[in-house]
PDB file of N, CA and C in Angstrom:
ATOM      1  N   MET A   1      36.953  17.992 -23.234  1.00  0.00           N
ATOM      2  CA  MET A   1      38.389  17.971 -23.460  1.00  0.00           C
ATOM      3  C   MET A   1      38.905  19.397 -23.455  1.00  0.00           C
ATOM      4  N   ASP A   2      40.069  19.565 -22.905  1.00  0.00           N
ATOM      5  CA  ASP A   2      40.575  20.932 -22.900  1.00  0.00           C
ATOM      6  C   ASP A   2      41.379  21.218 -24.167  1.00  0.00           C
ATOM      7  N   GLU A   3      41.557  22.473 -24.434  1.00  0.00           N
ATOM      8  CA  GLU A   3      42.193  22.939 -25.675  1.00  0.00           C
ATOM      9  C   GLU A   3      43.635  22.460 -25.800  1.00  0.00           C
ATOM     10  N   GLU A   4      44.360  22.411 -24.706  1.00  0.00           N
ATOM     11  CA  GLU A   4      45.755  21.978 -24.732  1.00  0.00           C
ATOM     12  C   GLU A   4      45.868  20.521 -25.177  1.00  0.00           C
ATOM     13  N   PHE A   5      44.975  19.663 -24.676  1.00  0.00           N
ATOM     14  CA  PHE A   5      44.974  18.257 -25.078  1.00  0.00           C
ATOM     15  C   PHE A   5      44.694  18.130 -26.574  1.00  0.00           C
ATOM     16  N   LEU A   6      43.699  18.856 -27.072  1.00  0.00           N
ATOM     17  CA  LEU A   6      43.347  18.766 -28.491  1.00  0.00           C
ATOM     18  C   LEU A   6      44.493  19.227 -29.387  1.00  0.00           C
ATOM     19  N   LYS A   7      45.192  20.266 -28.997  1.00  0.00           N
ATOM     20  CA  LYS A   7      46.342  20.733 -29.776  1.00  0.00           C
ATOM     21  C   LYS A   7      47.435  19.676 -29.803  1.00  0.00           C
ATOM     22  N   ALA A   8      47.714  19.069 -28.652  1.00  0.00           N
ATOM     23  CA  ALA A   8      48.743  18.027 -28.570  1.00  0.00           C
ATOM     24  C   ALA A   8      48.342  16.806 -29.397  1.00  0.00           C
ATOM     25  N   PHE A   9      47.078  16.426 -29.308  1.00  0.00           N
ATOM     26  CA  PHE A   9      46.570  15.290 -30.079  1.00  0.00           C
ATOM     27  C   PHE A   9      46.718  15.553 -31.576  1.00  0.00           C
ATOM     28  N   ALA A  10      46.329  16.738 -32.028  1.00  0.00           N
ATOM     29  CA  ALA A  10      46.430  17.092 -33.439  1.00  0.00           C
ATOM     30  C   ALA A  10      47.885  17.073 -33.904  1.00  0.00           C
ATOM     31  N   GLU A  11      48.789  17.522 -33.061  1.00  0.00           N
ATOM     32  CA  GLU A  11      50.207  17.533 -33.418  1.00  0.00           C
ATOM     33  C   GLU A  11      50.749  16.110 -33.582  1.00  0.00           C
ATOM     34  N   VAL A  12      50.372  15.204 -32.688  1.00  0.00           N
ATOM     35  CA  VAL A  12      50.817  13.811 -32.789  1.00  0.00           C
ATOM     36  C   VAL A  12      50.271  13.171 -34.068  1.00  0.00           C
ATOM     37  N   VAL A  13      49.003  13.385 -34.360  1.00  0.00           N
ATOM     38  CA  VAL A  13      48.408  12.835 -35.587  1.00  0.00           C
ATOM     39  C   VAL A  13      49.122  13.414 -36.802  1.00  0.00           C
ATOM     40  N   ARG A  14      49.367  14.707 -36.809  1.00  0.00           N
ATOM     41  CA  ARG A  14      50.046  15.367 -37.931  1.00  0.00           C
ATOM     42  C   ARG A  14      51.435  14.768 -38.148  1.00  0.00           C
ATOM     43  N   GLU A  15      52.204  14.586 -37.078  1.00  0.00           N
ATOM     44  CA  GLU A  15      53.550  14.015 -37.188  1.00  0.00           C
ATOM     45  C   GLU A  15      53.518  12.619 -37.788  1.00  0.00           C
ATOM     46  N   GLN A  16      52.558  11.804 -37.354  1.00  0.00           N
ATOM     47  CA  GLN A  16      52.467  10.437 -37.854  1.00  0.00           C
ATOM     48  C   GLN A  16      52.030  10.398 -39.319  1.00  0.00           C
ATOM     49  N   VAL A  17      51.139  11.293 -39.700  1.00  0.00           N
ATOM     50  CA  VAL A  17      50.685  11.353 -41.094  1.00  0.00           C
ATOM     51  C   VAL A  17      51.840  11.779 -41.998  1.00  0.00           C
ATOM     52  N   VAL A  18      52.646  12.727 -41.550  1.00  0.00           N
ATOM     53  CA  VAL A  18      53.803  13.168 -42.332  1.00  0.00           C
ATOM     54  C   VAL A  18      54.759  11.997 -42.559  1.00  0.00           C
ATOM     55  N   CYS A  19      54.884  11.123 -41.576  1.00  0.00           N
ATOM     56  CA  CYS A  19      55.740   9.933 -41.694  1.00  0.00           C
ATOM     57  C   CYS A  19      55.049   8.793 -42.443  1.00  0.00           C
ATOM     58  N   LYS A  20      53.826   9.036 -42.902  1.00  0.00           N
ATOM     59  CA  LYS A  20      53.011   8.075 -43.647  1.00  0.00           C
ATOM     60  C   LYS A  20      52.682   6.827 -42.828  1.00  0.00           C
ATOM     61  N   ASN A  21      52.506   7.013 -41.529  1.00  0.00           N
ATOM     62  CA  ASN A  21      52.091   5.925 -40.648  1.00  0.00           C
ATOM     63  C   ASN A  21      50.573   5.904 -40.531  1.00  0.00           C
ATOM     64  N   LYS A  22      50.004   4.730 -40.321  1.00  0.00           N
ATOM     65  CA  LYS A  22      48.570   4.602 -40.089  1.00  0.00           C
ATOM     66  C   LYS A  22      48.298   4.858 -38.613  1.00  0.00           C
ATOM     67  N   ILE A  23      47.272   5.636 -38.320  1.00  0.00           N
ATOM     68  CA  ILE A  23      46.906   5.963 -36.956  1.00  0.00           C
ATOM     69  C   ILE A  23      45.549   5.344 -36.666  1.00  0.00           C
ATOM     70  N   GLU A  24      45.485   4.456 -35.677  1.00  0.00           N
ATOM     71  CA  GLU A  24      44.225   3.823 -35.289  1.00  0.00           C
ATOM     72  C   GLU A  24      43.846   4.292 -33.889  1.00  0.00           C
ATOM     73  N   ILE A  25      42.612   4.795 -33.760  1.00  0.00           N
ATOM     74  CA  ILE A  25      42.130   5.299 -32.476  1.00  0.00           C
ATOM     75  C   ILE A  25      40.897   4.486 -32.104  1.00  0.00           C
ATOM     76  N   ASP A  26      41.000   3.732 -31.010  1.00  0.00           N
ATOM     77  CA  ASP A  26      39.880   2.895 -30.567  1.00  0.00           C
ATOM     78  C   ASP A  26      38.630   3.740 -30.346  1.00  0.00           C
ATOM     79  N   GLY A  27      37.528   3.270 -30.884  1.00  0.00           N
ATOM     80  CA  GLY A  27      36.257   3.953 -30.709  1.00  0.00           C
ATOM     81  C   GLY A  27      36.011   5.083 -31.683  1.00  0.00           C
ATOM     82  N   ILE A  28      37.027   5.445 -32.481  1.00  0.00           N
ATOM     83  CA  ILE A  28      36.872   6.548 -33.440  1.00  0.00           C
ATOM     84  C   ILE A  28      37.082   6.063 -34.866  1.00  0.00           C
ATOM     85  N   GLY A  29      38.275   5.553 -35.163  1.00  0.00           N
ATOM     86  CA  GLY A  29      38.561   5.070 -36.506  1.00  0.00           C
ATOM     87  C   GLY A  29      40.041   5.148 -36.814  1.00  0.00           C
ATOM     88  N   SER A  30      40.362   5.124 -38.112  1.00  0.00           N
ATOM     89  CA  SER A  30      41.750   5.112 -38.560  1.00  0.00           C
ATOM     90  C   SER A  30      42.015   6.220 -39.565  1.00  0.00           C
ATOM     91  N   PHE A  31      43.192   6.826 -39.446  1.00  0.00           N
ATOM     92  CA  PHE A  31      43.697   7.780 -40.424  1.00  0.00           C
ATOM     93  C   PHE A  31      44.844   7.098 -41.153  1.00  0.00           C
ATOM     94  N   TYR A  32      44.946   7.305 -42.463  1.00  0.00           N
ATOM     95  CA  TYR A  32      46.084   6.796 -43.205  1.00  0.00           C
ATOM     96  C   TYR A  32      46.315   7.662 -44.427  1.00  0.00           C
ATOM     97  N   VAL A  33      47.504   7.529 -45.023  1.00  0.00           N
ATOM     98  CA  VAL A  33      47.870   8.311 -46.196  1.00  0.00           C
ATOM     99  C   VAL A  33      47.741   7.425 -47.428  1.00  0.00           C
ATOM    100  N   GLU A  34      47.079   7.938 -48.436  1.00  0.00           N
ATOM    101  CA  GLU A  34      46.924   7.211 -49.704  1.00  0.00           C
ATOM    102  C   GLU A  34      47.569   8.039 -50.807  1.00  0.00           C
ATOM    103  N   HIS A  35      48.459   7.416 -51.566  1.00  0.00           N
ATOM    104  CA  HIS A  35      49.153   8.109 -52.649  1.00  0.00           C
ATOM    105  C   HIS A  35      48.298   8.089 -53.917  1.00  0.00           C
ATOM    106  N   GLN A  36      48.120   9.252 -54.512  1.00  0.00           N
ATOM    107  CA  GLN A  36      47.392   9.376 -55.778  1.00  0.00           C
ATOM    108  C   GLN A  36      48.413   9.591 -56.891  1.00  0.00           C
ATOM    109  N   LYS A  37      48.341   8.778 -57.945  1.00  0.00           N
ATOM    110  CA  LYS A  37      49.272   8.897 -59.059  1.00  0.00           C
ATOM    111  C   LYS A  37      48.950  10.116 -59.916  1.00  0.00           C
ATOM    112  N   GLN A  38      49.923  10.491 -60.730  1.00  0.00           N
ATOM    113  CA  GLN A  38      49.733  11.566 -61.691  1.00  0.00           C
ATOM    114  C   GLN A  38      48.695  11.116 -62.725  1.00  0.00           C
ATOM    115  N   PHE A  39      47.860  12.047 -63.182  1.00  0.00           N
ATOM    116  CA  PHE A  39      46.864  11.692 -64.198  1.00  0.00           C
ATOM    117  C   PHE A  39      46.546  12.898 -65.069  1.00  0.00           C
ATOM    118  N   GLN A  40      45.928  12.618 -66.221  1.00  0.00           N
ATOM    119  CA  GLN A  40      45.515  13.679 -67.139  1.00  0.00           C
ATOM    120  C   GLN A  40      44.069  14.048 -66.869  1.00  0.00           C
ATOM    121  N   LYS A  41      43.803  15.346 -66.883  1.00  0.00           N
ATOM    122  CA  LYS A  41      42.438  15.833 -66.716  1.00  0.00           C
ATOM    123  C   LYS A  41      42.083  16.631 -67.964  1.00  0.00           C
ATOM    124  N   GLN A  42      40.946  16.289 -68.565  1.00  0.00           N
ATOM    125  CA  GLN A  42      40.519  16.999 -69.765  1.00  0.00           C
ATOM    126  C   GLN A  42      39.292  17.846 -69.440  1.00  0.00           C
ATOM    127  N   TYR A  43      39.382  19.134 -69.772  1.00  0.00           N
ATOM    128  CA  TYR A  43      38.286  20.056 -69.534  1.00  0.00           C
ATOM    129  C   TYR A  43      37.327  20.056 -70.720  1.00  0.00           C
ATOM    130  N   ASP A  44      36.148  20.634 -70.519  1.00  0.00           N
ATOM    131  CA  ASP A  44      35.121  20.675 -71.559  1.00  0.00           C
ATOM    132  C   ASP A  44      35.599  21.378 -72.826  1.00  0.00           C
ATOM    133  N   ASN A  45      36.513  22.340 -72.700  1.00  0.00           N
ATOM    134  CA  ASN A  45      37.002  23.071 -73.868  1.00  0.00           C
ATOM    135  C   ASN A  45      38.094  22.309 -74.618  1.00  0.00           C
ATOM    136  N   GLY A  46      38.417  21.089 -74.172  1.00  0.00           N
ATOM    137  CA  GLY A  46      39.407  20.257 -74.837  1.00  0.00           C
ATOM    138  C   GLY A  46      40.801  20.372 -74.264  1.00  0.00           C
ATOM    139  N   ARG A  47      41.015  21.310 -73.396  1.00  0.00           N
ATOM    140  CA  ARG A  47      42.333  21.507 -72.777  1.00  0.00           C
ATOM    141  C   ARG A  47      42.667  20.313 -71.885  1.00  0.00           C
ATOM    142  N   VAL A  48      43.885  19.803 -72.018  1.00  0.00           N
ATOM    143  CA  VAL A  48      44.352  18.662 -71.228  1.00  0.00           C
ATOM    144  C   VAL A  48      45.444  19.154 -70.286  1.00  0.00           C
ATOM    145  N   VAL A  49      45.312  18.813 -69.024  1.00  0.00           N
ATOM    146  CA  VAL A  49      46.266  19.232 -68.000  1.00  0.00           C
ATOM    147  C   VAL A  49      46.744  18.003 -67.241  1.00  0.00           C
ATOM    148  N   MET A  50      48.057  17.932 -66.986  1.00  0.00           N
ATOM    149  CA  MET A  50      48.599  16.854 -66.159  1.00  0.00           C
ATOM    150  C   MET A  50      48.475  17.266 -64.700  1.00  0.00           C
ATOM    151  N   MET A  51      47.771  16.463 -63.940  1.00  0.00           N
ATOM    152  CA  MET A  51      47.624  16.714 -62.510  1.00  0.00           C
ATOM    153  C   MET A  51      48.769  16.002 -61.787  1.00  0.00           C
ATOM    154  N   PRO A  52      49.467  16.688 -60.898  1.00  0.00           N
ATOM    155  CA  PRO A  52      50.628  16.086 -60.238  1.00  0.00           C
ATOM    156  C   PRO A  52      50.225  15.010 -59.228  1.00  0.00           C
ATOM    157  N   PRO A  53      51.151  14.103 -58.935  1.00  0.00           N
ATOM    158  CA  PRO A  53      50.864  13.112 -57.888  1.00  0.00           C
ATOM    159  C   PRO A  53      50.747  13.812 -56.541  1.00  0.00           C
ATOM    160  N   LYS A  54      49.991  13.191 -55.636  1.00  0.00           N
ATOM    161  CA  LYS A  54      49.828  13.787 -54.308  1.00  0.00           C
ATOM    162  C   LYS A  54      49.465  12.707 -53.304  1.00  0.00           C
ATOM    163  N   ASP A  55      49.671  13.033 -52.052  1.00  0.00           N
ATOM    164  CA  ASP A  55      49.263  12.165 -50.953  1.00  0.00           C
ATOM    165  C   ASP A  55      48.008  12.760 -50.326  1.00  0.00           C
ATOM    166  N   GLU A  56      47.016  11.918 -50.043  1.00  0.00           N
ATOM    167  CA  GLU A  56      45.783  12.361 -49.426  1.00  0.00           C
ATOM    168  C   GLU A  56      45.586  11.641 -48.101  1.00  0.00           C
ATOM    169  N   ILE A  57      45.075  12.355 -47.130  1.00  0.00           N
ATOM    170  CA  ILE A  57      44.774  11.752 -45.827  1.00  0.00           C
ATOM    171  C   ILE A  57      43.354  11.187 -45.908  1.00  0.00           C
ATOM    172  N   ARG A  58      43.219   9.930 -45.550  1.00  0.00           N
ATOM    173  CA  ARG A  58      41.929   9.256 -45.553  1.00  0.00           C
ATOM    174  C   ARG A  58      41.542   8.900 -44.125  1.00  0.00           C
ATOM    175  N   PHE A  59      40.239   8.811 -43.879  1.00  0.00           N
ATOM    176  CA  PHE A  59      39.725   8.438 -42.572  1.00  0.00           C
ATOM    177  C   PHE A  59      38.676   7.362 -42.751  1.00  0.00           C
ATOM    178  N   ILE A  60      38.786   6.292 -41.979  1.00  0.00           N
ATOM    179  CA  ILE A  60      37.794   5.220 -41.966  1.00  0.00           C
ATOM    180  C   ILE A  60      37.203   5.182 -40.557  1.00  0.00           C
ATOM    181  N   PRO A  61      35.923   5.539 -40.410  1.00  0.00           N
ATOM    182  CA  PRO A  61      35.329   5.498 -39.071  1.00  0.00           C
ATOM    183  C   PRO A  61      35.166   4.057 -38.580  1.00  0.00           C
ATOM    184  N   GLU A  62      35.293   3.876 -37.281  1.00  0.00           N
ATOM    185  CA  GLU A  62      35.093   2.551 -36.690  1.00  0.00           C
ATOM    186  C   GLU A  62      33.607   2.249 -36.623  1.00  0.00           C
ATOM    187  N   GLU A  63      33.268   1.038 -36.939  1.00  0.00           N
ATOM    188  CA  GLU A  63      31.839   0.655 -36.922  1.00  0.00           C
ATOM    189  C   GLU A  63      31.463  -0.003 -35.640  1.00  0.00           C
TER     190      GLU A  63
END
């Protein structure tokens, strides 16, 4: 594959992920966005920190 194609492909995937669309690629797998809720994290020293909500990109390979 040439570099120009890979850049264009990455840009299309990036645009779709930003729109929170699921991307399915035959023979490779699926990309999708999963929302993580806010949660509390407690450290060993007892300090408690609120972790902000975030969106994570997930990948499921095709079997």
